[in-house]
Structures are given as C-alpha cells and as structure tokens.
Amino acid sequence: MSFITRRGLSTLIPPKVASPNAIGGAQDAARMQRVVSFYEKLPRGPAPDVKAKGLLGRYQARYFGKNPSAAPIVHVIGGLMLMGYGMNYYFHLRHHKNNAH
C-alpha cells in the first residue's frame, strides 16, 4: 500500500483512538470503550444551516439556495448590456454629442 493510500485512509480513523491493538479480546475492553465514547460524542443528525455572510453569500443563498431560479442569468445579461453600452458610449458615442460624423 502506498504512502498516499495509507495517508488517505488514516484520515478516516482518528489517531490513537482506534488502532488494530484496540480491537480484540477482553483485555482491551478499556481501549474499545475509548473508541465507543469518542464516537458517542460526535454530533448526530444533519448539520445546522449556515447563515450567509456578505453580499456574494446572500446573493448565492437567495438565488442558488433551496429554491434556485434563473434570475442570475437575467442579471448577467443585463450587466453585459450595461457594460457594453458604457463601453460603446466611452469609445464612440461621446464624440457625437455636439456634432455628427
């Protein structure tokens, strides 16, 4: 087994809590009790919902959360139109304010 595989598997089991020596006969009952008590302390059930922070987090929670919508696509199209008109005005239309071509 390569080092990477062993390292990946070692993250699944907490160190020094569940080892091959801890699983076995009655003389290791205290060690096994440590393993059981460790897993009893872990939280159960689904994780609590995280409250969105910041402008981007609130936007993501509103449009990509439990009820996703197509509004972000409309926002991107509108933003591109505004940016395109702004660039068009800056590079071309402002020269036509007072006189024609």
PDB file of N, CA and C in Angstrom:
ATOM      1  N   MET A   1       0.857  -1.170   0.000  1.00  0.00           N
ATOM      2  CA  MET A   1       0.000   0.000   0.000  1.00  0.00           C
ATOM      3  C   MET A   1       0.901   1.231   0.000  1.00  0.00           C
ATOM      4  N   SER A   2       0.641   2.163  -0.887  1.00  0.00           N
ATOM      5  CA  SER A   2       1.495   3.336  -0.993  1.00  0.00           C
ATOM      6  C   SER A   2       1.259   4.293   0.164  1.00  0.00           C
ATOM      7  N   PHE A   3       2.166   5.233   0.290  1.00  0.00           N
ATOM      8  CA  PHE A   3       2.076   6.225   1.369  1.00  0.00           C
ATOM      9  C   PHE A   3       0.819   7.073   1.223  1.00  0.00           C
ATOM     10  N   ILE A   4       0.484   7.433  -0.017  1.00  0.00           N
ATOM     11  CA  ILE A   4      -0.688   8.291  -0.259  1.00  0.00           C
ATOM     12  C   ILE A   4      -1.968   7.555   0.128  1.00  0.00           C
ATOM     13  N   THR A   5      -2.052   6.271  -0.204  1.00  0.00           N
ATOM     14  CA  THR A   5      -3.240   5.496   0.153  1.00  0.00           C
ATOM     15  C   THR A   5      -3.356   5.365   1.671  1.00  0.00           C
ATOM     16  N   ARG A   6      -2.239   5.057   2.342  1.00  0.00           N
ATOM     17  CA  ARG A   6      -2.277   4.948   3.801  1.00  0.00           C
ATOM     18  C   ARG A   6      -2.646   6.280   4.433  1.00  0.00           C
ATOM     19  N   ARG A   7      -2.128   7.381   3.879  1.00  0.00           N
ATOM     20  CA  ARG A   7      -2.435   8.712   4.416  1.00  0.00           C
ATOM     21  C   ARG A   7      -3.920   9.028   4.228  1.00  0.00           C
ATOM     22  N   GLY A   8      -4.481   8.666   3.083  1.00  0.00           N
ATOM     23  CA  GLY A   8      -5.901   8.897   2.837  1.00  0.00           C
ATOM     24  C   GLY A   8      -6.788   8.102   3.756  1.00  0.00           C
ATOM     25  N   LEU A   9      -6.404   6.866   4.038  1.00  0.00           N
ATOM     26  CA  LEU A   9      -7.205   6.032   4.929  1.00  0.00           C
ATOM     27  C   LEU A   9      -7.037   6.440   6.381  1.00  0.00           C
ATOM     28  N   SER A  10      -5.873   6.992   6.724  1.00  0.00           N
ATOM     29  CA  SER A  10      -5.633   7.349   8.120  1.00  0.00           C
ATOM     30  C   SER A  10      -6.481   8.540   8.548  1.00  0.00           C
ATOM     31  N   THR A  11      -6.949   9.342   7.609  1.00  0.00           N
ATOM     32  CA  THR A  11      -7.779  10.486   7.981  1.00  0.00           C
ATOM     33  C   THR A  11      -9.194  10.065   8.343  1.00  0.00           C
ATOM     34  N   LEU A  12      -9.597   8.843   7.976  1.00  0.00           N
ATOM     35  CA  LEU A  12     -10.937   8.370   8.298  1.00  0.00           C
ATOM     36  C   LEU A  12     -11.054   7.922   9.754  1.00  0.00           C
ATOM     37  N   ILE A  13      -9.973   7.446  10.321  1.00  0.00           N
ATOM     38  CA  ILE A  13      -9.989   6.933  11.692  1.00  0.00           C
ATOM     39  C   ILE A  13      -9.111   7.843  12.542  1.00  0.00           C
ATOM     40  N   PRO A  14      -9.625   8.348  13.641  1.00  0.00           N
ATOM     41  CA  PRO A  14      -8.820   9.248  14.470  1.00  0.00           C
ATOM     42  C   PRO A  14      -7.585   8.535  15.011  1.00  0.00           C
ATOM     43  N   PRO A  15      -6.460   9.229  15.100  1.00  0.00           N
ATOM     44  CA  PRO A  15      -5.232   8.585  15.552  1.00  0.00           C
ATOM     45  C   PRO A  15      -5.289   8.235  17.040  1.00  0.00           C
ATOM     46  N   LYS A  16      -4.688   7.150  17.381  1.00  0.00           N
ATOM     47  CA  LYS A  16      -4.539   6.682  18.759  1.00  0.00           C
ATOM     48  C   LYS A  16      -5.864   6.440  19.468  1.00  0.00           C
ATOM     49  N   VAL A  17      -6.952   6.416  18.742  1.00  0.00           N
ATOM     50  CA  VAL A  17      -8.242   6.099  19.349  1.00  0.00           C
ATOM     51  C   VAL A  17      -8.663   4.704  18.916  1.00  0.00           C
ATOM     52  N   ALA A  18      -8.626   4.464  17.623  1.00  0.00           N
ATOM     53  CA  ALA A  18      -8.965   3.144  17.100  1.00  0.00           C
ATOM     54  C   ALA A  18      -7.749   2.609  16.374  1.00  0.00           C
ATOM     55  N   SER A  19      -7.072   1.689  16.961  1.00  0.00           N
ATOM     56  CA  SER A  19      -5.917   1.061  16.339  1.00  0.00           C
ATOM     57  C   SER A  19      -6.161  -0.441  16.285  1.00  0.00           C
ATOM     58  N   PRO A  20      -5.386  -1.169  15.489  1.00  0.00           N
ATOM     59  CA  PRO A  20      -5.586  -2.623  15.437  1.00  0.00           C
ATOM     60  C   PRO A  20      -5.417  -3.280  16.805  1.00  0.00           C
ATOM     61  N   ASN A  21      -4.610  -2.690  17.680  1.00  0.00           N
ATOM     62  CA  ASN A  21      -4.420  -3.257  19.011  1.00  0.00           C
ATOM     63  C   ASN A  21      -5.652  -3.059  19.890  1.00  0.00           C
ATOM     64  N   ALA A  22      -6.438  -1.999  19.615  1.00  0.00           N
ATOM     65  CA  ALA A  22      -7.598  -1.699  20.451  1.00  0.00           C
ATOM     66  C   ALA A  22      -8.768  -2.636  20.154  1.00  0.00           C
ATOM     67  N   ILE A  23      -8.762  -3.256  18.985  1.00  0.00           N
ATOM     68  CA  ILE A  23      -9.846  -4.154  18.620  1.00  0.00           C
ATOM     69  C   ILE A  23      -9.387  -5.571  18.936  1.00  0.00           C
ATOM     70  N   GLY A  24     -10.076  -6.221  19.818  1.00  0.00           N
ATOM     71  CA  GLY A  24      -9.621  -7.563  20.149  1.00  0.00           C
ATOM     72  C   GLY A  24     -10.318  -8.125  21.365  1.00  0.00           C
ATOM     73  N   GLY A  25      -9.538  -8.835  22.219  1.00  0.00           N
ATOM     74  CA  GLY A  25     -10.079  -9.570  23.356  1.00  0.00           C
ATOM     75  C   GLY A  25     -10.514  -8.682  24.502  1.00  0.00           C
ATOM     76  N   ALA A  26     -10.880  -9.336  25.583  1.00  0.00           N
ATOM     77  CA  ALA A  26     -11.400  -8.650  26.759  1.00  0.00           C
ATOM     78  C   ALA A  26     -10.353  -7.796  27.452  1.00  0.00           C
ATOM     79  N   GLN A  27      -9.054  -8.117  27.308  1.00  0.00           N
ATOM     80  CA  GLN A  27      -8.039  -7.299  27.958  1.00  0.00           C
ATOM     81  C   GLN A  27      -7.979  -5.897  27.366  1.00  0.00           C
ATOM     82  N   ASP A  28      -8.508  -5.723  26.170  1.00  0.00           N
ATOM     83  CA  ASP A  28      -8.515  -4.410  25.527  1.00  0.00           C
ATOM     84  C   ASP A  28      -9.880  -3.739  25.621  1.00  0.00           C
ATOM     85  N   ALA A  29     -10.701  -4.138  26.566  1.00  0.00           N
ATOM     86  CA  ALA A  29     -12.046  -3.573  26.680  1.00  0.00           C
ATOM     87  C   ALA A  29     -11.994  -2.089  26.997  1.00  0.00           C
ATOM     88  N   ALA A  30     -11.011  -1.649  27.757  1.00  0.00           N
ATOM     89  CA  ALA A  30     -10.899  -0.224  28.092  1.00  0.00           C
ATOM     90  C   ALA A  30     -10.575   0.590  26.847  1.00  0.00           C
ATOM     91  N   ARG A  31      -9.713   0.051  26.012  1.00  0.00           N
ATOM     92  CA  ARG A  31      -9.382   0.755  24.765  1.00  0.00           C
ATOM     93  C   ARG A  31     -10.591   0.844  23.847  1.00  0.00           C
ATOM     94  N   MET A  32     -11.325  -0.238  23.772  1.00  0.00           N
ATOM     95  CA  MET A  32     -12.523  -0.231  22.931  1.00  0.00           C
ATOM     96  C   MET A  32     -13.556   0.736  23.482  1.00  0.00           C
ATOM     97  N   GLN A  33     -13.623   0.868  24.785  1.00  0.00           N
ATOM     98  CA  GLN A  33     -14.543   1.827  25.401  1.00  0.00           C
ATOM     99  C   GLN A  33     -14.174   3.256  25.007  1.00  0.00           C
ATOM    100  N   ARG A  34     -12.864   3.532  24.844  1.00  0.00           N
ATOM    101  CA  ARG A  34     -12.435   4.861  24.379  1.00  0.00           C
ATOM    102  C   ARG A  34     -12.929   5.124  22.965  1.00  0.00           C
ATOM    103  N   VAL A  35     -12.876   4.106  22.120  1.00  0.00           N
ATOM    104  CA  VAL A  35     -13.370   4.246  20.743  1.00  0.00           C
ATOM    105  C   VAL A  35     -14.869   4.525  20.761  1.00  0.00           C
ATOM    106  N   VAL A  36     -15.606   3.781  21.553  1.00  0.00           N
ATOM    107  CA  VAL A  36     -17.060   3.954  21.625  1.00  0.00           C
ATOM    108  C   VAL A  36     -17.406   5.327  22.180  1.00  0.00           C
ATOM    109  N   SER A  37     -16.701   5.755  23.231  1.00  0.00           N
ATOM    110  CA  SER A  37     -17.012   7.067  23.819  1.00  0.00           C
ATOM    111  C   SER A  37     -16.677   8.201  22.856  1.00  0.00           C
ATOM    112  N   PHE A  38     -15.615   8.011  22.042  1.00  0.00           N
ATOM    113  CA  PHE A  38     -15.274   9.036  21.057  1.00  0.00           C
ATOM    114  C   PHE A  38     -16.404   9.208  20.051  1.00  0.00           C
ATOM    115  N   TYR A  39     -16.918   8.095  19.524  1.00  0.00           N
ATOM    116  CA  TYR A  39     -17.972   8.175  18.515  1.00  0.00           C
ATOM    117  C   TYR A  39     -19.318   8.574  19.128  1.00  0.00           C
ATOM    118  N   GLU A  40     -19.519   8.349  20.413  1.00  0.00           N
ATOM    119  CA  GLU A  40     -20.750   8.805  21.063  1.00  0.00           C
ATOM    120  C   GLU A  40     -20.796  10.312  21.173  1.00  0.00           C
ATOM    121  N   LYS A  41     -19.629  10.951  21.275  1.00  0.00           N
ATOM    122  CA  LYS A  41     -19.559  12.404  21.438  1.00  0.00           C
ATOM    123  C   LYS A  41     -19.772  13.158  20.133  1.00  0.00           C
ATOM    124  N   LEU A  42     -19.662  12.475  19.011  1.00  0.00           N
ATOM    125  CA  LEU A  42     -19.839  13.145  17.719  1.00  0.00           C
ATOM    126  C   LEU A  42     -21.288  13.598  17.555  1.00  0.00           C
ATOM    127  N   PRO A  43     -21.513  14.769  16.925  1.00  0.00           N
ATOM    128  CA  PRO A  43     -22.892  15.250  16.744  1.00  0.00           C
ATOM    129  C   PRO A  43     -23.659  14.363  15.770  1.00  0.00           C
ATOM    130  N   ARG A  44     -24.963  14.254  16.018  1.00  0.00           N
ATOM    131  CA  ARG A  44     -25.828  13.432  15.169  1.00  0.00           C
ATOM    132  C   ARG A  44     -26.780  14.332  14.396  1.00  0.00           C
ATOM    133  N   GLY A  45     -27.307  13.774  13.334  1.00  0.00           N
ATOM    134  CA  GLY A  45     -28.295  14.495  12.544  1.00  0.00           C
ATOM    135  C   GLY A  45     -27.645  15.399  11.514  1.00  0.00           C
ATOM    136  N   PRO A  46     -28.472  16.105  10.770  1.00  0.00           N
ATOM    137  CA  PRO A  46     -27.931  16.994   9.738  1.00  0.00           C
ATOM    138  C   PRO A  46     -27.244  18.204  10.359  1.00  0.00           C
ATOM    139  N   ALA A  47     -26.303  18.749   9.623  1.00  0.00           N
ATOM    140  CA  ALA A  47     -25.581  19.936  10.084  1.00  0.00           C
ATOM    141  C   ALA A  47     -26.525  21.136  10.071  1.00  0.00           C
ATOM    142  N   PRO A  48     -26.368  22.062  11.011  1.00  0.00           N
ATOM    143  CA  PRO A  48     -27.229  23.237  11.018  1.00  0.00           C
ATOM    144  C   PRO A  48     -26.945  24.130   9.812  1.00  0.00           C
ATOM    145  N   ASP A  49     -27.960  24.839   9.359  1.00  0.00           N
ATOM    146  CA  ASP A  49     -27.796  25.742   8.222  1.00  0.00           C
ATOM    147  C   ASP A  49     -26.873  26.895   8.598  1.00  0.00           C
ATOM    148  N   VAL A  50     -25.973  27.208   7.690  1.00  0.00           N
ATOM    149  CA  VAL A  50     -25.030  28.295   7.909  1.00  0.00           C
ATOM    150  C   VAL A  50     -25.648  29.568   7.371  1.00  0.00           C
ATOM    151  N   LYS A  51     -25.643  30.626   8.161  1.00  0.00           N
ATOM    152  CA  LYS A  51     -26.200  31.905   7.723  1.00  0.00           C
ATOM    153  C   LYS A  51     -25.222  32.568   6.756  1.00  0.00           C
ATOM    154  N   ALA A  52     -25.748  33.037   5.636  1.00  0.00           N
ATOM    155  CA  ALA A  52     -24.918  33.646   4.607  1.00  0.00           C
ATOM    156  C   ALA A  52     -24.375  34.982   5.090  1.00  0.00           C
ATOM    157  N   LYS A  53     -23.098  35.232   4.799  1.00  0.00           N
ATOM    158  CA  LYS A  53     -22.450  36.483   5.175  1.00  0.00           C
ATOM    159  C   LYS A  53     -21.965  37.188   3.926  1.00  0.00           C
ATOM    160  N   GLY A  54     -22.006  38.479   3.932  1.00  0.00           N
ATOM    161  CA  GLY A  54     -21.500  39.258   2.816  1.00  0.00           C
ATOM    162  C   GLY A  54     -22.487  39.341   1.668  1.00  0.00           C
ATOM    163  N   LEU A  55     -22.166  40.217   0.732  1.00  0.00           N
ATOM    164  CA  LEU A  55     -23.037  40.456  -0.418  1.00  0.00           C
ATOM    165  C   LEU A  55     -23.125  39.226  -1.321  1.00  0.00           C
ATOM    166  N   LEU A  56     -21.991  38.634  -1.637  1.00  0.00           N
ATOM    167  CA  LEU A  56     -21.989  37.468  -2.516  1.00  0.00           C
ATOM    168  C   LEU A  56     -22.652  36.264  -1.845  1.00  0.00           C
ATOM    169  N   GLY A  57     -22.430  36.089  -0.559  1.00  0.00           N
ATOM    170  CA  GLY A  57     -23.042  34.976   0.162  1.00  0.00           C
ATOM    171  C   GLY A  57     -24.553  35.090   0.212  1.00  0.00           C
ATOM    172  N   ARG A  58     -25.059  36.303   0.461  1.00  0.00           N
ATOM    173  CA  ARG A  58     -26.513  36.498   0.481  1.00  0.00           C
ATOM    174  C   ARG A  58     -27.115  36.300  -0.909  1.00  0.00           C
ATOM    175  N   TYR A  59     -26.419  36.771  -1.954  1.00  0.00           N
ATOM    176  CA  TYR A  59     -26.894  36.573  -3.327  1.00  0.00           C
ATOM    177  C   TYR A  59     -26.965  35.083  -3.656  1.00  0.00           C
ATOM    178  N   GLN A  60     -25.920  34.364  -3.282  1.00  0.00           N
ATOM    179  CA  GLN A  60     -25.885  32.929  -3.544  1.00  0.00           C
ATOM    180  C   GLN A  60     -26.979  32.208  -2.768  1.00  0.00           C
ATOM    181  N   ALA A  61     -27.200  32.583  -1.515  1.00  0.00           N
ATOM    182  CA  ALA A  61     -28.242  31.935  -0.718  1.00  0.00           C
ATOM    183  C   ALA A  61     -29.626  32.226  -1.297  1.00  0.00           C
ATOM    184  N   ARG A  62     -29.814  33.410  -1.843  1.00  0.00           N
ATOM    185  CA  ARG A  62     -31.132  33.790  -2.368  1.00  0.00           C
ATOM    186  C   ARG A  62     -31.454  33.104  -3.690  1.00  0.00           C
ATOM    187  N   TYR A  63     -30.485  33.080  -4.608  1.00  0.00           N
ATOM    188  CA  TYR A  63     -30.775  32.585  -5.954  1.00  0.00           C
ATOM    189  C   TYR A  63     -30.300  31.160  -6.228  1.00  0.00           C
ATOM    190  N   PHE A  64     -29.353  30.629  -5.429  1.00  0.00           N
ATOM    191  CA  PHE A  64     -28.846  29.274  -5.666  1.00  0.00           C
ATOM    192  C   PHE A  64     -29.178  28.343  -4.513  1.00  0.00           C
ATOM    193  N   GLY A  65     -29.904  28.807  -3.513  1.00  0.00           N
ATOM    194  CA  GLY A  65     -30.172  28.030  -2.309  1.00  0.00           C
ATOM    195  C   GLY A  65     -31.225  26.964  -2.506  1.00  0.00           C
ATOM    196  N   LYS A  66     -32.209  26.949  -1.603  1.00  0.00           N
ATOM    197  CA  LYS A  66     -33.232  25.901  -1.629  1.00  0.00           C
ATOM    198  C   LYS A  66     -34.167  26.031  -2.821  1.00  0.00           C
ATOM    199  N   ASN A  67     -34.433  27.262  -3.266  1.00  0.00           N
ATOM    200  CA  ASN A  67     -35.311  27.488  -4.424  1.00  0.00           C
ATOM    201  C   ASN A  67     -34.513  28.197  -5.517  1.00  0.00           C
ATOM    202  N   PRO A  68     -33.711  27.471  -6.301  1.00  0.00           N
ATOM    203  CA  PRO A  68     -32.909  28.131  -7.338  1.00  0.00           C
ATOM    204  C   PRO A  68     -33.796  28.713  -8.429  1.00  0.00           C
ATOM    205  N   SER A  69     -33.321  29.808  -9.025  1.00  0.00           N
ATOM    206  CA  SER A  69     -34.087  30.448 -10.091  1.00  0.00           C
ATOM    207  C   SER A  69     -33.145  30.837 -11.229  1.00  0.00           C
ATOM    208  N   ALA A  70     -33.730  31.335 -12.304  1.00  0.00           N
ATOM    209  CA  ALA A  70     -32.963  31.750 -13.471  1.00  0.00           C
ATOM    210  C   ALA A  70     -32.612  33.227 -13.421  1.00  0.00           C
ATOM    211  N   ALA A  71     -32.882  33.902 -12.316  1.00  0.00           N
ATOM    212  CA  ALA A  71     -32.604  35.330 -12.206  1.00  0.00           C
ATOM    213  C   ALA A  71     -31.125  35.665 -12.406  1.00  0.00           C
ATOM    214  N   PRO A  72     -30.161  34.868 -11.948  1.00  0.00           N
ATOM    215  CA  PRO A  72     -28.757  35.224 -12.208  1.00  0.00           C
ATOM    216  C   PRO A  72     -28.418  35.319 -13.692  1.00  0.00           C
ATOM    217  N   ILE A  73     -29.073  34.510 -14.521  1.00  0.00           N
ATOM    218  CA  ILE A  73     -28.835  34.596 -15.968  1.00  0.00           C
ATOM    219  C   ILE A  73     -29.313  35.946 -16.487  1.00  0.00           C
ATOM    220  N   VAL A  74     -30.481  36.378 -16.022  1.00  0.00           N
ATOM    221  CA  VAL A  74     -31.006  37.690 -16.422  1.00  0.00           C
ATOM    222  C   VAL A  74     -30.088  38.796 -15.910  1.00  0.00           C
ATOM    223  N   HIS A  75     -29.556  38.644 -14.707  1.00  0.00           N
ATOM    224  CA  HIS A  75     -28.652  39.652 -14.155  1.00  0.00           C
ATOM    225  C   HIS A  75     -27.364  39.744 -14.965  1.00  0.00           C
ATOM    226  N   VAL A  76     -26.839  38.605 -15.393  1.00  0.00           N
ATOM    227  CA  VAL A  76     -25.617  38.606 -16.202  1.00  0.00           C
ATOM    228  C   VAL A  76     -25.878  39.268 -17.550  1.00  0.00           C
ATOM    229  N   ILE A  77     -27.000  38.954 -18.179  1.00  0.00           N
ATOM    230  CA  ILE A  77     -27.334  39.566 -19.471  1.00  0.00           C
ATOM    231  C   ILE A  77     -27.495  41.073 -19.315  1.00  0.00           C
ATOM    232  N   GLY A  78     -28.206  41.500 -18.273  1.00  0.00           N
ATOM    233  CA  GLY A  78     -28.375  42.940 -18.033  1.00  0.00           C
ATOM    234  C   GLY A  78     -27.056  43.630 -17.741  1.00  0.00           C
ATOM    235  N   GLY A  79     -26.192  42.989 -16.954  1.00  0.00           N
ATOM    236  CA  GLY A  79     -24.876  43.566 -16.663  1.00  0.00           C
ATOM    237  C   GLY A  79     -24.027  43.700 -17.905  1.00  0.00           C
ATOM    238  N   LEU A  80     -24.068  42.681 -18.774  1.00  0.00           N
ATOM    239  CA  LEU A  80     -23.309  42.762 -20.027  1.00  0.00           C
ATOM    240  C   LEU A  80     -23.846  43.858 -20.941  1.00  0.00           C
ATOM    241  N   MET A  81     -25.178  44.036 -20.945  1.00  0.00           N
ATOM    242  CA  MET A  81     -25.759  45.105 -21.774  1.00  0.00           C
ATOM    243  C   MET A  81     -25.335  46.477 -21.254  1.00  0.00           C
ATOM    244  N   LEU A  82     -25.378  46.662 -19.943  1.00  0.00           N
ATOM    245  CA  LEU A  82     -24.949  47.945 -19.367  1.00  0.00           C
ATOM    246  C   LEU A  82     -23.465  48.200 -19.623  1.00  0.00           C
ATOM    247  N   MET A  83     -22.660  47.172 -19.457  1.00  0.00           N
ATOM    248  CA  MET A  83     -21.227  47.334 -19.696  1.00  0.00           C
ATOM    249  C   MET A  83     -20.955  47.618 -21.176  1.00  0.00           C
ATOM    250  N   GLY A  84     -21.672  46.921 -22.052  1.00  0.00           N
ATOM    251  CA  GLY A  84     -21.498  47.145 -23.494  1.00  0.00           C
ATOM    252  C   GLY A  84     -21.898  48.557 -23.890  1.00  0.00           C
ATOM    253  N   TYR A  85     -23.014  49.050 -23.348  1.00  0.00           N
ATOM    254  CA  TYR A  85     -23.422  50.414 -23.678  1.00  0.00           C
ATOM    255  C   TYR A  85     -22.419  51.422 -23.116  1.00  0.00           C
ATOM    256  N   GLY A  86     -21.934  51.168 -21.906  1.00  0.00           N
ATOM    257  CA  GLY A  86     -20.935  52.067 -21.321  1.00  0.00           C
ATOM    258  C   GLY A  86     -19.668  52.128 -22.154  1.00  0.00           C
ATOM    259  N   MET A  87     -19.209  50.987 -22.627  1.00  0.00           N
ATOM    260  CA  MET A  87     -18.010  50.974 -23.478  1.00  0.00           C
ATOM    261  C   MET A  87     -18.295  51.631 -24.829  1.00  0.00           C
ATOM    262  N   ASN A  88     -19.465  51.386 -25.375  1.00  0.00           N
ATOM    263  CA  ASN A  88     -19.841  51.985 -26.649  1.00  0.00           C
ATOM    264  C   ASN A  88     -19.906  53.507 -26.515  1.00  0.00           C
ATOM    265  N   TYR A  89     -20.471  53.986 -25.424  1.00  0.00           N
ATOM    266  CA  TYR A  89     -20.546  55.428 -25.194  1.00  0.00           C
ATOM    267  C   TYR A  89     -19.152  56.009 -25.046  1.00  0.00           C
ATOM    268  N   TYR A  90     -18.313  55.363 -24.231  1.00  0.00           N
ATOM    269  CA  TYR A  90     -16.985  55.909 -23.968  1.00  0.00           C
ATOM    270  C   TYR A  90     -16.129  55.943 -25.223  1.00  0.00           C
ATOM    271  N   PHE A  91     -16.155  54.890 -26.023  1.00  0.00           N
ATOM    272  CA  PHE A  91     -15.270  54.813 -27.175  1.00  0.00           C
ATOM    273  C   PHE A  91     -15.854  55.410 -28.454  1.00  0.00           C
ATOM    274  N   HIS A  92     -17.166  55.644 -28.508  1.00  0.00           N
ATOM    275  CA  HIS A  92     -17.725  56.113 -29.768  1.00  0.00           C
ATOM    276  C   HIS A  92     -18.778  57.213 -29.600  1.00  0.00           C
ATOM    277  N   LEU A  93     -19.802  56.998 -28.801  1.00  0.00           N
ATOM    278  CA  LEU A  93     -20.939  57.894 -28.781  1.00  0.00           C
ATOM    279  C   LEU A  93     -20.650  59.260 -28.165  1.00  0.00           C
ATOM    280  N   ARG A  94     -19.692  59.370 -27.260  1.00  0.00           N
ATOM    281  CA  ARG A  94     -19.433  60.676 -26.645  1.00  0.00           C
ATOM    282  C   ARG A  94     -18.874  61.677 -27.643  1.00  0.00           C
ATOM    283  N   HIS A  95     -18.306  61.214 -28.734  1.00  0.00           N
ATOM    284  CA  HIS A  95     -17.790  62.121 -29.760  1.00  0.00           C
ATOM    285  C   HIS A  95     -18.917  62.688 -30.619  1.00  0.00           C
ATOM    286  N   HIS A  96     -20.115  62.124 -30.537  1.00  0.00           N
ATOM    287  CA  HIS A  96     -21.242  62.567 -31.345  1.00  0.00           C
ATOM    288  C   HIS A  96     -22.187  63.479 -30.564  1.00  0.00           C
ATOM    289  N   LYS A  97     -21.811  63.880 -29.360  1.00  0.00           N
ATOM    290  CA  LYS A  97     -22.744  64.674 -28.561  1.00  0.00           C
ATOM    291  C   LYS A  97     -23.071  66.014 -29.218  1.00  0.00           C
ATOM    292  N   ASN A  98     -22.075  66.709 -29.698  1.00  0.00           N
ATOM    293  CA  ASN A  98     -22.305  68.065 -30.212  1.00  0.00           C
ATOM    294  C   ASN A  98     -22.293  68.156 -31.727  1.00  0.00           C
ATOM    295  N   ASN A  99     -21.668  67.245 -32.391  1.00  0.00           N
ATOM    296  CA  ASN A  99     -21.641  67.304 -33.849  1.00  0.00           C
ATOM    297  C   ASN A  99     -21.638  65.892 -34.418  1.00  0.00           C
ATOM    298  N   ALA A 100     -22.113  65.765 -35.638  1.00  0.00           N
ATOM    299  CA  ALA A 100     -22.196  64.453 -36.265  1.00  0.00           C
ATOM    300  C   ALA A 100     -20.869  64.097 -36.915  1.00  0.00           C
ATOM    301  N   HIS A 101     -20.757  62.891 -37.383  1.00  0.00           N
ATOM    302  CA  HIS A 101     -19.565  62.410 -38.089  1.00  0.00           C
ATOM    303  C   HIS A 101     -19.274  63.273 -39.258  1.00  0.00           C
TER     304      HIS A 101
END
